[in-house]
Amino acid sequence: ILVHILYLLKDLIRLKVESLFHDPPHKTLLIRFLGAKFGEEHEKIARRFRDEILKDTRFISYPEHLKNLIVLSDSLASSIERRILRIKGSVSWPSGVYVENYNLLNIFDPRRKTLLIDGNIDLEKIVSKIKSMTDETNKILRKADHEKVSDTILYNILYLIYELTWIKNDIPYSLADTRVPTHTTFDHLYAAAAMSNMISFDEDKEVLRGYYVVIDFPGIQRFISSGRKTGDFWAASWLASNIMWSIAEEFTGIYGFDVIISPTSRFNPYAVRSIERWLSKINEVEIQDVVKDIKKIFNCIYGYIYGTDSCEKDVLQKLYLQPIIPATISMLLPSIAAESSDKLADKIAETYKIVWRRLVDEDIINKIRSRSTEDCVYMYLNKVLERNIDLISTPPQGLRIYVVDIERLYKRLTDCLNKDLEACRELSLKIDHNSFEDLTKRYEINIHDIASMLLWHLLSTRATDLAEKFGSVKIPAPRSFWIHNDDALTPVSKTYVDAKGDWQPCNLCGYEPAVLRFSKKPGQDDYIDEVKESIKKDISECI
């Protein structure tokens, strides 16, 4: 079974790589310069562009056995408007007719638009810039193509720098479809890579599989607002942000950055940090050069955004400190990620505990311990942490985890479209089956095409509800602080009570027992002697 999974994973990564190159990123420019010849030429140009970026790497050979699946990932990533234009019949788009359009329209308000390409395009300059971009990308990939670098990590490097090197070389964006100018070619290419996670590698291509996952950190407002000072608010936000990314990172390291649907890995400084963490385990000069190259590209892009106009200023270090990852993330994982939705939910819950302990050890305890010999405050903090290590190593609360089994949902969706009224009720879909049947016959529409379009709409808008019927849900119980036994309450940890067995509520959050009790003398702005003696004892080596 393990060998079979590894074989499928290798094919999955290859499918994702090819999905990123199935269209040339400069599609709009090609329509402009090739005109009616675009249809017959753009695939050849896409292949040459692909070969320039992947030459002399392990991904250079084209996987012919995945060709049909690459077409399928392209189709699944297409917007509903593009699919409508492909329908046979009176509304179908005439073959060989292409629209010149250089405006990206706001999908919510098409009156708002951005001009991507102006009228003064120098073809020679564009070709030169594209050559510079392919050379730069290929150079990084060749350096990263080390035997200790897995296929997934190499793919992640490509995923991360692909669009950025395009921007860095000042090449204009193109529209994915000039008839539906609401998204760019890169939007479509990255979406196609993500859709690969739903594709079945079986002969039956009309089966979609995988898991749509929503992970939520409940009570995030309460968690953050427990602080008193600005630094407290930042620390809580940063901690929650890093926990959520670290959970996702465990899966991106195996299946690729594209599994994160929200927030995107594109332009994400946390994704750079993940690459840095993965590659730090390989003590090779060229591999560490790859990290430097990627960071420099990011600094160039963000330097431009923040107005430094420099590739040398380390903007990334500041961005690492920003809690930009939200408390709710969604992922699209392939079917090989787990045997069932229940097991995947359990795996995510266990991953949460692991990354929490790692974050506490690496980013809190170790840093405080390293300064405890030279600073009295850090020495005291280190002593407190050592006494409370059992409490700190456990996450303060659980996560809400929703996992939708895509295969189960997709089957009921196709059942509904095939006049199964019970399936329609389960999905809360109201369909006029007579009109629907007439429409599909008249325009020769495959029911599975309709089902795949509806599937993504349901997943992206109703995943938390659908997980109850077509997957698994994990709702955390509140953390316990006491054990009730023989009509008595016993604290889970002795830290919660003082020498007399008394306890106090935490005056920061108000709902947990206090761990540190700095009691003051009645009516005085001075701490009681027991508190001062305890602190002196902890920092005796420093005094």
Protein backbone atom coordinates (compact mmCIF):
# COMPACT_ATOMS: atom_id res chain seq x y z
CA ILE A 1 0.00 0.00 0.00
CA LEU A 2 2.80 2.41 0.93
CA VAL A 3 4.57 1.83 -2.41
CA HIS A 4 1.28 2.49 -4.24
CA ILE A 5 0.75 5.75 -2.31
CA LEU A 6 4.30 6.91 -3.06
CA TYR A 7 3.76 6.12 -6.75
CA LEU A 8 0.50 8.12 -6.75
CA LEU A 9 2.19 11.01 -4.92
CA LYS A 10 4.96 11.13 -7.53
CA ASP A 11 2.36 11.27 -10.32
CA LEU A 12 0.34 13.88 -8.42
CA ILE A 13 3.34 16.21 -8.13
CA ARG A 14 4.15 15.74 -11.82
CA LEU A 15 0.53 16.55 -12.67
CA LYS A 16 0.75 19.75 -10.64
CA VAL A 17 4.00 20.79 -12.33
CA GLU A 18 2.47 20.30 -15.79
CA SER A 19 -0.73 22.09 -14.75
CA LEU A 20 1.37 25.20 -14.11
CA PHE A 21 2.60 25.11 -17.72
CA HIS A 22 -0.44 23.98 -19.74
CA ASP A 23 -0.97 27.59 -20.89
CA PRO A 24 1.70 30.21 -21.62
CA PRO A 25 1.59 33.05 -19.03
CA HIS A 26 1.82 35.63 -21.86
CA LYS A 27 -1.41 34.46 -23.51
CA THR A 28 -2.82 37.93 -24.23
CA LEU A 29 0.40 39.01 -25.93
CA LEU A 30 0.31 35.89 -28.11
CA ILE A 31 -3.25 36.67 -29.21
CA ARG A 32 -2.07 40.14 -30.13
CA PHE A 33 0.92 39.05 -32.20
CA LEU A 34 -0.33 35.71 -33.58
CA GLY A 35 -3.97 36.60 -34.30
CA ALA A 36 -5.83 33.67 -35.90
CA LYS A 37 -2.73 31.45 -35.60
CA PHE A 38 -2.97 31.57 -31.79
CA GLY A 39 -4.97 28.31 -31.55
CA GLU A 40 -2.44 26.16 -33.37
CA GLU A 41 0.66 27.86 -31.95
CA HIS A 42 0.00 28.60 -28.26
CA GLU A 43 0.41 24.98 -27.07
CA LYS A 44 3.78 24.70 -28.86
CA ILE A 45 4.90 27.98 -27.29
CA ALA A 46 3.71 26.79 -23.87
CA ARG A 47 5.80 23.61 -24.27
CA ARG A 48 8.92 25.56 -25.27
CA PHE A 49 8.40 27.95 -22.34
CA ARG A 50 8.02 24.93 -20.01
CA ASP A 51 11.17 23.30 -21.35
CA GLU A 52 13.22 26.48 -20.83
CA ILE A 53 12.25 26.61 -17.15
CA LEU A 54 12.55 22.88 -16.43
CA LYS A 55 15.63 22.01 -18.51
CA ASP A 56 18.30 19.97 -16.71
CA THR A 57 15.95 19.23 -13.80
CA ARG A 58 14.16 16.01 -12.82
CA PHE A 59 10.87 17.45 -14.20
CA ILE A 60 12.08 17.97 -17.78
CA SER A 61 10.63 14.75 -19.28
CA TYR A 62 6.98 15.22 -20.20
CA PRO A 63 4.66 12.64 -18.50
CA GLU A 64 2.63 11.48 -21.51
CA HIS A 65 0.57 9.12 -19.33
CA LEU A 66 -0.83 12.15 -17.48
CA LYS A 67 -1.85 14.10 -20.59
CA ASN A 68 -5.61 13.51 -20.19
CA LEU A 69 -5.46 14.44 -16.50
CA ILE A 70 -3.69 17.72 -17.34
CA VAL A 71 -6.59 18.56 -19.66
CA LEU A 72 -9.00 17.66 -16.85
CA SER A 73 -7.26 19.91 -14.30
CA ASP A 74 -7.46 22.76 -16.85
CA SER A 75 -11.19 22.13 -17.29
CA LEU A 76 -11.90 21.94 -13.54
CA ALA A 77 -10.08 25.26 -13.03
CA SER A 78 -12.06 27.05 -15.75
CA SER A 79 -14.67 29.59 -14.68
CA ILE A 80 -18.34 28.86 -15.41
CA GLU A 81 -18.40 31.50 -18.18
CA ARG A 82 -15.57 29.77 -20.05
CA ARG A 83 -17.38 26.45 -19.77
CA ILE A 84 -20.60 27.94 -21.11
CA LEU A 85 -18.69 29.22 -24.14
CA ARG A 86 -17.53 25.65 -24.84
CA ILE A 87 -21.06 24.22 -24.95
CA LYS A 88 -22.08 22.92 -28.34
CA GLY A 89 -25.06 24.54 -30.02
CA SER A 90 -26.28 28.06 -30.66
CA VAL A 91 -24.22 29.69 -27.86
CA SER A 92 -20.90 28.03 -28.70
CA TRP A 93 -17.94 30.28 -29.56
CA PRO A 94 -16.80 30.12 -33.21
CA SER A 95 -13.53 28.29 -33.74
CA GLY A 96 -10.45 30.38 -34.56
CA VAL A 97 -11.95 33.68 -33.35
CA TYR A 98 -10.00 35.49 -30.62
CA VAL A 99 -10.73 38.73 -28.78
CA GLU A 100 -8.06 41.33 -28.17
CA ASN A 101 -8.63 42.62 -24.65
CA TYR A 102 -6.10 44.13 -22.27
CA ASN A 103 -8.32 45.16 -19.34
CA LEU A 104 -8.71 43.11 -16.17
CA LEU A 105 -12.24 43.67 -14.88
CA ASN A 106 -13.31 43.67 -11.25
CA ILE A 107 -15.43 40.52 -10.92
CA PHE A 108 -17.81 42.26 -8.46
CA ASP A 109 -18.06 45.52 -10.39
CA PRO A 110 -17.01 45.16 -14.06
CA ARG A 111 -17.11 48.95 -14.47
CA ARG A 112 -13.83 48.99 -12.55
CA LYS A 113 -10.88 47.82 -14.60
CA THR A 114 -7.09 47.73 -14.75
CA LEU A 115 -5.14 48.05 -17.98
CA LEU A 116 -2.63 45.19 -18.07
CA ILE A 117 -0.99 45.94 -21.41
CA ASP A 118 -0.81 49.32 -23.09
CA GLY A 119 -0.57 49.94 -26.83
CA ASN A 120 3.20 50.46 -26.94
CA ILE A 121 4.52 46.92 -26.66
CA ASP A 122 8.04 46.31 -27.88
CA LEU A 123 8.04 42.64 -28.93
CA GLU A 124 11.83 42.40 -28.85
CA LYS A 125 11.97 43.71 -25.26
CA ILE A 126 9.20 41.34 -24.13
CA VAL A 127 11.00 38.34 -25.63
CA SER A 128 14.23 39.43 -23.90
CA LYS A 129 12.46 39.81 -20.53
CA ILE A 130 10.80 36.40 -20.84
CA LYS A 131 14.21 34.87 -21.61
CA SER A 132 15.63 36.55 -18.52
CA MET A 133 12.73 35.24 -16.43
CA THR A 134 13.07 31.64 -17.65
CA ASP A 135 16.84 31.70 -17.12
CA GLU A 136 16.48 33.06 -13.56
CA THR A 137 13.79 30.51 -12.63
CA ASN A 138 15.68 27.62 -14.21
CA LYS A 139 18.91 28.56 -12.43
CA ILE A 140 17.22 28.38 -9.03
CA LEU A 141 15.48 25.09 -9.86
CA ARG A 142 18.73 23.50 -11.05
CA LYS A 143 20.50 24.49 -7.84
CA ALA A 144 17.58 23.15 -5.79
CA ASP A 145 17.43 19.86 -7.70
CA HIS A 146 19.42 18.00 -5.04
CA GLU A 147 18.97 14.31 -4.16
CA LYS A 148 17.95 15.30 -0.61
CA VAL A 149 15.26 17.65 -1.92
CA SER A 150 11.98 15.80 -2.45
CA ASP A 151 9.82 16.20 -5.55
CA THR A 152 7.26 18.09 -3.44
CA ILE A 153 9.76 20.61 -2.07
CA LEU A 154 11.21 21.21 -5.55
CA TYR A 155 7.67 21.73 -6.84
CA ASN A 156 6.99 24.13 -3.96
CA ILE A 157 10.03 26.19 -4.93
CA LEU A 158 8.73 26.38 -8.50
CA TYR A 159 5.24 27.25 -7.24
CA LEU A 160 6.63 30.07 -5.12
CA ILE A 161 8.99 31.74 -7.59
CA TYR A 162 7.12 31.15 -10.87
CA GLU A 163 4.88 34.22 -10.74
CA LEU A 164 7.36 36.31 -8.77
CA THR A 165 10.19 36.04 -11.30
CA TRP A 166 7.65 37.07 -13.96
CA ILE A 167 6.84 40.23 -11.99
CA LYS A 168 10.48 40.87 -11.07
CA ASN A 169 11.40 40.93 -14.79
CA ASP A 170 8.66 43.49 -15.45
CA ILE A 171 6.58 41.35 -17.82
CA PRO A 172 2.92 42.36 -18.06
CA TYR A 173 0.20 40.04 -16.80
CA SER A 174 -2.10 38.36 -19.32
CA LEU A 175 -5.77 37.45 -19.10
CA ALA A 176 -6.66 33.76 -18.73
CA ASP A 177 -9.47 34.33 -21.23
CA THR A 178 -9.89 37.64 -23.07
CA ARG A 179 -13.63 36.90 -23.42
CA VAL A 180 -14.01 36.58 -19.64
CA PRO A 181 -11.46 39.15 -18.41
CA THR A 182 -11.90 38.63 -14.66
CA HIS A 183 -8.71 36.72 -13.82
CA THR A 184 -5.14 36.40 -15.02
CA THR A 185 -3.33 33.48 -16.60
CA PHE A 186 -1.46 32.90 -13.36
CA ASP A 187 -4.76 32.78 -11.47
CA HIS A 188 -5.88 30.00 -13.81
CA LEU A 189 -2.58 28.09 -13.78
CA TYR A 190 -2.39 28.04 -9.99
CA ALA A 191 -6.07 27.04 -9.79
CA ALA A 192 -5.40 24.15 -12.19
CA ALA A 193 -2.61 22.92 -9.91
CA ALA A 194 -5.01 23.02 -6.94
CA MET A 195 -7.73 21.16 -8.85
CA SER A 196 -5.26 18.30 -9.38
CA ASN A 197 -5.95 17.32 -5.78
CA MET A 198 -9.50 16.26 -6.73
CA ILE A 199 -8.55 14.18 -9.74
CA SER A 200 -8.76 10.40 -9.58
CA PHE A 201 -5.85 8.52 -11.11
CA ASP A 202 -8.16 5.61 -11.93
CA GLU A 203 -9.36 4.94 -15.45
CA ASP A 204 -12.76 6.44 -14.61
CA LYS A 205 -12.08 10.17 -14.98
CA GLU A 206 -15.66 11.03 -14.05
CA VAL A 207 -14.93 10.32 -10.38
CA LEU A 208 -13.59 13.18 -8.27
CA ARG A 209 -11.96 12.40 -4.94
CA GLY A 210 -10.14 14.08 -2.08
CA TYR A 211 -11.02 16.12 0.97
CA TYR A 212 -12.05 19.73 1.44
CA VAL A 213 -10.96 20.84 4.90
CA VAL A 214 -11.85 23.86 7.02
CA ILE A 215 -9.83 24.39 10.22
CA ASP A 216 -10.98 27.06 12.63
CA PHE A 217 -9.38 28.42 15.80
CA PRO A 218 -12.54 29.05 17.88
CA GLY A 219 -12.91 32.07 20.13
CA ILE A 220 -10.08 33.92 18.46
CA GLN A 221 -11.34 37.31 19.67
CA ARG A 222 -11.36 36.15 23.28
CA PHE A 223 -7.93 34.53 22.85
CA ILE A 224 -6.39 37.77 21.54
CA SER A 225 -8.28 40.22 23.76
CA SER A 226 -7.02 38.52 26.94
CA GLY A 227 -3.96 40.76 26.76
CA ARG A 228 -3.53 44.12 28.46
CA LYS A 229 -0.91 45.79 26.30
CA THR A 230 -0.32 46.18 22.58
CA GLY A 231 2.49 43.64 22.80
CA ASP A 232 0.09 41.12 24.33
CA PHE A 233 -2.36 41.55 21.46
CA TRP A 234 0.43 41.15 18.92
CA ALA A 235 1.83 38.04 20.66
CA ALA A 236 -1.57 36.31 20.76
CA SER A 237 -2.27 37.19 17.12
CA TRP A 238 1.20 36.05 16.03
CA LEU A 239 0.85 32.80 17.97
CA ALA A 240 -2.55 31.97 16.43
CA SER A 241 -1.31 32.95 12.97
CA ASN A 242 1.78 30.77 13.21
CA ILE A 243 -0.14 27.82 14.61
CA MET A 244 -2.57 27.85 11.68
CA TRP A 245 0.21 28.15 9.09
CA SER A 246 2.29 25.45 10.79
CA ILE A 247 -0.64 23.01 10.59
CA ALA A 248 -1.01 23.74 6.87
CA GLU A 249 2.78 23.50 6.43
CA GLU A 250 2.75 19.87 7.56
CA PHE A 251 0.52 19.05 4.57
CA THR A 252 2.17 21.39 2.04
CA GLY A 253 5.50 19.67 2.70
CA ILE A 254 3.97 16.41 1.46
CA TYR A 255 1.42 17.46 -1.18
CA GLY A 256 2.44 20.99 -2.25
CA PHE A 257 1.63 24.63 -1.52
CA ASP A 258 -1.45 24.51 -3.75
CA VAL A 259 -3.41 22.47 -1.16
CA ILE A 260 -3.96 25.69 0.80
CA ILE A 261 -7.04 27.33 -0.69
CA SER A 262 -7.28 30.17 1.82
CA PRO A 263 -5.09 32.03 2.54
CA THR A 264 -3.14 31.60 -0.68
CA SER A 265 0.53 30.59 -0.67
CA ARG A 266 1.16 32.99 -3.56
CA PHE A 267 3.16 36.06 -2.42
CA ASN A 268 3.03 34.62 1.10
CA PRO A 269 6.10 35.39 3.24
CA TYR A 270 5.22 32.49 5.53
CA ALA A 271 5.68 30.17 2.52
CA VAL A 272 9.25 31.49 2.13
CA ARG A 273 9.88 30.69 5.78
CA SER A 274 8.59 27.15 5.18
CA ILE A 275 11.02 26.70 2.29
CA GLU A 276 13.80 28.03 4.51
CA ARG A 277 12.88 25.56 7.28
CA TRP A 278 12.76 22.57 4.92
CA LEU A 279 16.05 23.42 3.19
CA SER A 280 17.88 24.28 6.42
CA LYS A 281 18.20 20.53 7.05
CA ILE A 282 20.47 20.22 3.99
CA ASN A 283 23.92 21.58 4.74
CA GLU A 284 24.99 22.29 1.16
CA VAL A 285 26.22 25.65 -0.14
CA GLU A 286 24.07 25.54 -3.31
CA ILE A 287 20.93 24.70 -1.33
CA GLN A 288 21.49 27.62 1.05
CA ASP A 289 22.07 29.80 -2.04
CA VAL A 290 18.58 28.79 -3.19
CA VAL A 291 17.15 30.17 0.06
CA LYS A 292 19.06 33.43 -0.45
CA ASP A 293 17.85 33.68 -4.07
CA ILE A 294 14.20 33.17 -3.10
CA LYS A 295 14.42 35.67 -0.26
CA LYS A 296 16.02 38.23 -2.58
CA ILE A 297 13.18 37.83 -5.11
CA PHE A 298 10.63 38.34 -2.34
CA ASN A 299 12.51 41.36 -1.01
CA CYS A 300 12.49 42.84 -4.52
CA ILE A 301 8.72 42.42 -4.90
CA TYR A 302 7.82 43.58 -1.39
CA GLY A 303 10.44 46.29 -1.53
CA TYR A 304 8.61 47.69 -4.54
CA ILE A 305 5.23 47.37 -2.77
CA TYR A 306 6.49 49.15 0.38
CA GLY A 307 8.38 51.79 -1.56
CA THR A 308 11.96 50.86 -0.67
CA ASP A 309 12.74 50.17 -4.36
CA SER A 310 15.54 47.86 -3.26
CA CYS A 311 16.17 44.12 -3.43
CA GLU A 312 18.75 44.32 -0.66
CA LYS A 313 16.62 45.50 2.28
CA ASP A 314 15.34 42.54 4.29
CA VAL A 315 11.61 43.27 4.18
CA LEU A 316 10.88 39.58 4.81
CA GLN A 317 12.16 39.66 8.39
CA LYS A 318 9.56 42.31 9.22
CA LEU A 319 6.84 40.38 7.41
CA TYR A 320 7.64 37.23 9.40
CA LEU A 321 6.57 39.15 12.51
CA GLN A 322 3.20 40.09 11.04
CA PRO A 323 0.27 37.81 12.02
CA ILE A 324 -1.13 37.68 8.47
CA ILE A 325 -2.58 34.15 8.56
CA PRO A 326 -6.26 34.19 9.64
CA ALA A 327 -7.73 31.99 12.36
CA THR A 328 -9.64 29.98 9.74
CA ILE A 329 -7.91 28.18 6.89
CA SER A 330 -9.23 25.90 4.14
CA MET A 331 -7.37 23.18 2.28
CA LEU A 332 -8.02 20.84 -0.65
CA LEU A 333 -6.21 17.58 0.05
CA PRO A 334 -5.82 14.57 -2.27
CA SER A 335 -7.45 11.24 -1.42
CA ILE A 336 -4.07 9.73 -0.51
CA ALA A 337 -3.85 12.10 2.49
CA ALA A 338 -5.98 9.69 4.58
CA GLU A 339 -8.09 6.56 4.33
CA SER A 340 -11.22 8.37 5.48
CA SER A 341 -12.50 11.77 6.59
CA ASP A 342 -12.48 10.58 10.23
CA LYS A 343 -8.83 9.61 10.06
CA LEU A 344 -7.92 12.88 8.36
CA ALA A 345 -9.70 14.88 11.09
CA ASP A 346 -7.77 12.90 13.72
CA LYS A 347 -4.52 13.49 11.83
CA ILE A 348 -5.14 17.27 11.77
CA ALA A 349 -5.94 17.29 15.51
CA GLU A 350 -2.72 15.41 16.24
CA THR A 351 -0.75 17.72 13.93
CA TYR A 352 -2.08 20.68 15.94
CA LYS A 353 -0.60 19.23 19.15
CA ILE A 354 2.75 18.55 17.45
CA VAL A 355 3.13 22.03 15.93
CA TRP A 356 2.04 23.67 19.19
CA ARG A 357 4.81 21.85 21.10
CA ARG A 358 7.33 22.68 18.38
CA LEU A 359 6.35 26.35 18.37
CA VAL A 360 6.54 26.55 22.18
CA ASP A 361 9.94 24.80 22.22
CA GLU A 362 11.58 26.60 19.27
CA ASP A 363 10.10 30.08 19.42
CA ILE A 364 9.47 30.57 23.12
CA ILE A 365 11.28 28.25 25.55
CA ASN A 366 14.59 27.95 23.67
CA LYS A 367 14.84 31.70 23.05
CA ILE A 368 14.08 32.55 26.68
CA ARG A 369 16.49 29.85 27.92
CA SER A 370 19.30 31.17 25.70
CA ARG A 371 19.09 34.57 27.41
CA SER A 372 18.43 33.32 30.96
CA THR A 373 22.12 33.33 31.93
CA GLU A 374 22.64 37.02 31.19
CA ASP A 375 19.36 38.67 32.14
CA CYS A 376 17.51 38.41 35.49
CA VAL A 377 14.08 38.82 33.89
CA TYR A 378 14.73 36.00 31.42
CA MET A 379 16.15 33.85 34.22
CA TYR A 380 12.91 34.27 36.16
CA LEU A 381 10.77 33.57 33.08
CA ASN A 382 12.81 30.44 32.39
CA LYS A 383 12.22 29.16 35.93
CA VAL A 384 8.48 29.80 35.61
CA LEU A 385 8.35 28.00 32.27
CA GLU A 386 10.23 25.01 33.66
CA ARG A 387 7.75 24.69 36.52
CA ASN A 388 4.79 24.93 34.16
CA ILE A 389 6.13 22.95 31.21
CA ASP A 390 3.26 20.44 31.39
CA LEU A 391 0.72 23.25 30.99
CA ILE A 392 2.61 25.16 28.29
CA SER A 393 3.23 22.08 26.14
CA THR A 394 -0.51 21.49 25.83
CA PRO A 395 -2.55 23.69 23.45
CA PRO A 396 -4.81 26.09 25.37
CA GLN A 397 -7.82 24.96 23.37
CA GLY A 398 -8.86 22.65 20.57
CA LEU A 399 -9.66 23.37 16.93
CA ARG A 400 -12.89 23.07 15.03
CA ILE A 401 -12.17 20.72 12.13
CA TYR A 402 -14.54 20.12 9.20
CA VAL A 403 -13.65 17.53 6.56
CA VAL A 404 -15.82 16.96 3.47
CA ASP A 405 -15.32 13.68 1.61
CA ILE A 406 -15.45 14.91 -1.99
CA GLU A 407 -16.17 11.50 -3.50
CA ARG A 408 -19.26 11.03 -1.31
CA LEU A 409 -20.49 14.54 -2.01
CA TYR A 410 -19.84 14.25 -5.75
CA LYS A 411 -21.78 10.97 -5.96
CA ARG A 412 -24.84 12.48 -4.26
CA LEU A 413 -24.56 15.53 -6.49
CA THR A 414 -24.63 13.41 -9.65
CA ASP A 415 -27.50 11.38 -8.12
CA CYS A 416 -29.42 14.61 -7.63
CA LEU A 417 -28.83 15.69 -11.25
CA ASN A 418 -30.05 12.24 -12.31
CA LYS A 419 -33.46 12.85 -10.65
CA ASP A 420 -32.77 11.40 -7.19
CA LEU A 421 -35.01 13.69 -5.15
CA GLU A 422 -33.69 12.41 -1.82
CA ALA A 423 -30.15 13.35 -2.86
CA CYS A 424 -31.39 16.82 -3.83
CA ARG A 425 -33.01 17.23 -0.42
CA GLU A 426 -29.76 16.21 1.30
CA LEU A 427 -27.94 18.90 -0.68
CA SER A 428 -30.73 21.50 -0.32
CA LEU A 429 -30.85 21.85 -4.12
CA LYS A 430 -34.04 22.65 -6.02
CA ILE A 431 -33.83 21.54 -9.65
CA ASP A 432 -36.49 21.51 -12.35
CA HIS A 433 -35.43 18.12 -13.72
CA ASN A 434 -37.60 18.32 -16.85
CA SER A 435 -36.05 21.62 -17.93
CA PHE A 436 -32.60 20.40 -16.94
CA GLU A 437 -32.95 17.22 -18.99
CA ASP A 438 -34.16 19.18 -21.99
CA LEU A 439 -31.22 21.58 -21.70
CA THR A 440 -28.58 18.85 -21.41
CA LYS A 441 -29.94 16.98 -24.42
CA ARG A 442 -30.35 20.06 -26.60
CA TYR A 443 -26.80 21.31 -26.02
CA GLU A 444 -25.17 17.90 -25.47
CA ILE A 445 -24.03 18.79 -21.96
CA ASN A 446 -22.39 16.10 -19.89
CA ILE A 447 -23.97 15.86 -16.42
CA HIS A 448 -20.51 15.45 -14.88
CA ASP A 449 -19.50 18.87 -16.24
CA ILE A 450 -22.44 20.44 -14.43
CA ALA A 451 -21.72 18.39 -11.30
CA SER A 452 -18.07 19.51 -11.18
CA MET A 453 -19.10 23.17 -11.44
CA LEU A 454 -21.71 22.81 -8.69
CA LEU A 455 -19.27 20.81 -6.57
CA TRP A 456 -16.80 23.65 -6.15
CA HIS A 457 -19.61 26.11 -5.42
CA LEU A 458 -20.91 23.84 -2.64
CA LEU A 459 -17.45 23.21 -1.20
CA SER A 460 -16.44 26.86 -1.10
CA THR A 461 -19.72 28.14 0.35
CA ARG A 462 -21.17 25.35 2.51
CA ALA A 463 -18.29 23.11 3.60
CA THR A 464 -18.99 23.35 7.33
CA ASP A 465 -22.60 22.21 6.83
CA LEU A 466 -21.76 19.52 4.28
CA ALA A 467 -19.10 17.98 6.55
CA GLU A 468 -21.90 16.84 8.87
CA LYS A 469 -23.50 14.72 6.11
CA PHE A 470 -20.59 13.88 3.83
CA GLY A 471 -17.55 13.79 6.06
CA SER A 472 -16.43 14.42 9.62
CA VAL A 473 -16.63 17.20 12.18
CA LYS A 474 -14.50 17.68 15.30
CA ILE A 475 -15.74 20.21 17.85
CA PRO A 476 -13.37 20.75 20.80
CA ALA A 477 -14.50 20.51 24.41
CA PRO A 478 -13.42 23.34 26.75
CA ARG A 479 -10.14 22.76 28.56
CA SER A 480 -10.59 21.27 32.03
CA PHE A 481 -8.79 22.59 35.10
CA TRP A 482 -10.40 20.43 37.78
CA ILE A 483 -11.26 16.77 38.28
CA HIS A 484 -14.50 15.99 40.11
CA ASN A 485 -14.17 12.91 42.30
CA ASP A 486 -15.98 11.88 45.52
CA ASP A 487 -17.80 15.21 45.73
CA ALA A 488 -14.49 17.10 45.66
CA LEU A 489 -12.64 19.15 43.04
CA THR A 490 -8.98 18.35 42.51
CA PRO A 491 -6.83 20.64 40.32
CA VAL A 492 -5.40 19.08 37.15
CA SER A 493 -2.07 20.72 38.04
CA LYS A 494 -0.68 21.81 41.42
CA THR A 495 0.29 25.06 39.73
CA TYR A 496 -3.32 26.20 39.96
CA VAL A 497 -3.35 26.29 43.77
CA ASP A 498 -1.13 27.89 46.42
CA ALA A 499 0.37 26.26 49.52
CA LYS A 500 -2.98 26.53 51.29
CA GLY A 501 -4.83 24.87 48.43
CA ASP A 502 -6.56 28.12 47.40
CA TRP A 503 -6.82 29.38 43.82
CA GLN A 504 -7.43 32.69 42.09
CA PRO A 505 -8.96 33.47 38.70
CA CYS A 506 -6.58 34.85 36.10
CA ASN A 507 -7.07 38.62 35.99
CA LEU A 508 -6.01 38.73 32.31
CA CYS A 509 -8.47 36.32 30.72
CA GLY A 510 -10.88 35.97 33.63
CA TYR A 511 -11.87 32.36 32.89
CA GLU A 512 -8.81 30.26 33.83
CA PRO A 513 -7.08 29.73 37.20
CA ALA A 514 -4.07 31.97 37.69
CA VAL A 515 -0.65 30.35 37.32
CA LEU A 516 1.34 33.29 38.69
CA ARG A 517 -0.06 35.00 41.79
CA PHE A 518 1.54 38.37 42.55
CA SER A 519 -0.51 39.32 45.60
CA LYS A 520 -0.06 42.77 47.12
CA LYS A 521 -0.21 43.85 50.74
CA PRO A 522 -3.68 45.16 51.71
CA GLY A 523 -3.95 48.88 50.89
CA GLN A 524 -0.33 49.09 49.71
CA ASP A 525 1.41 49.22 46.34
CA ASP A 526 3.87 46.56 47.47
CA TYR A 527 3.92 42.79 46.99
CA ILE A 528 3.59 40.42 49.92
CA ASP A 529 6.81 38.96 51.33
CA GLU A 530 6.10 35.44 49.99
CA VAL A 531 6.04 36.75 46.40
CA LYS A 532 9.30 38.67 46.80
CA GLU A 533 11.04 35.75 48.44
CA SER A 534 9.88 33.42 45.67
CA ILE A 535 11.26 35.75 42.98
CA LYS A 536 14.58 36.15 44.86
CA LYS A 537 14.92 32.39 45.05
CA ASP A 538 14.36 32.02 41.29
CA ILE A 539 16.96 34.64 40.35
CA SER A 540 19.47 33.97 43.15
CA GLU A 541 22.21 33.23 40.59
CA CYS A 542 21.66 36.65 39.03
CA ILE A 543 21.67 38.74 42.22
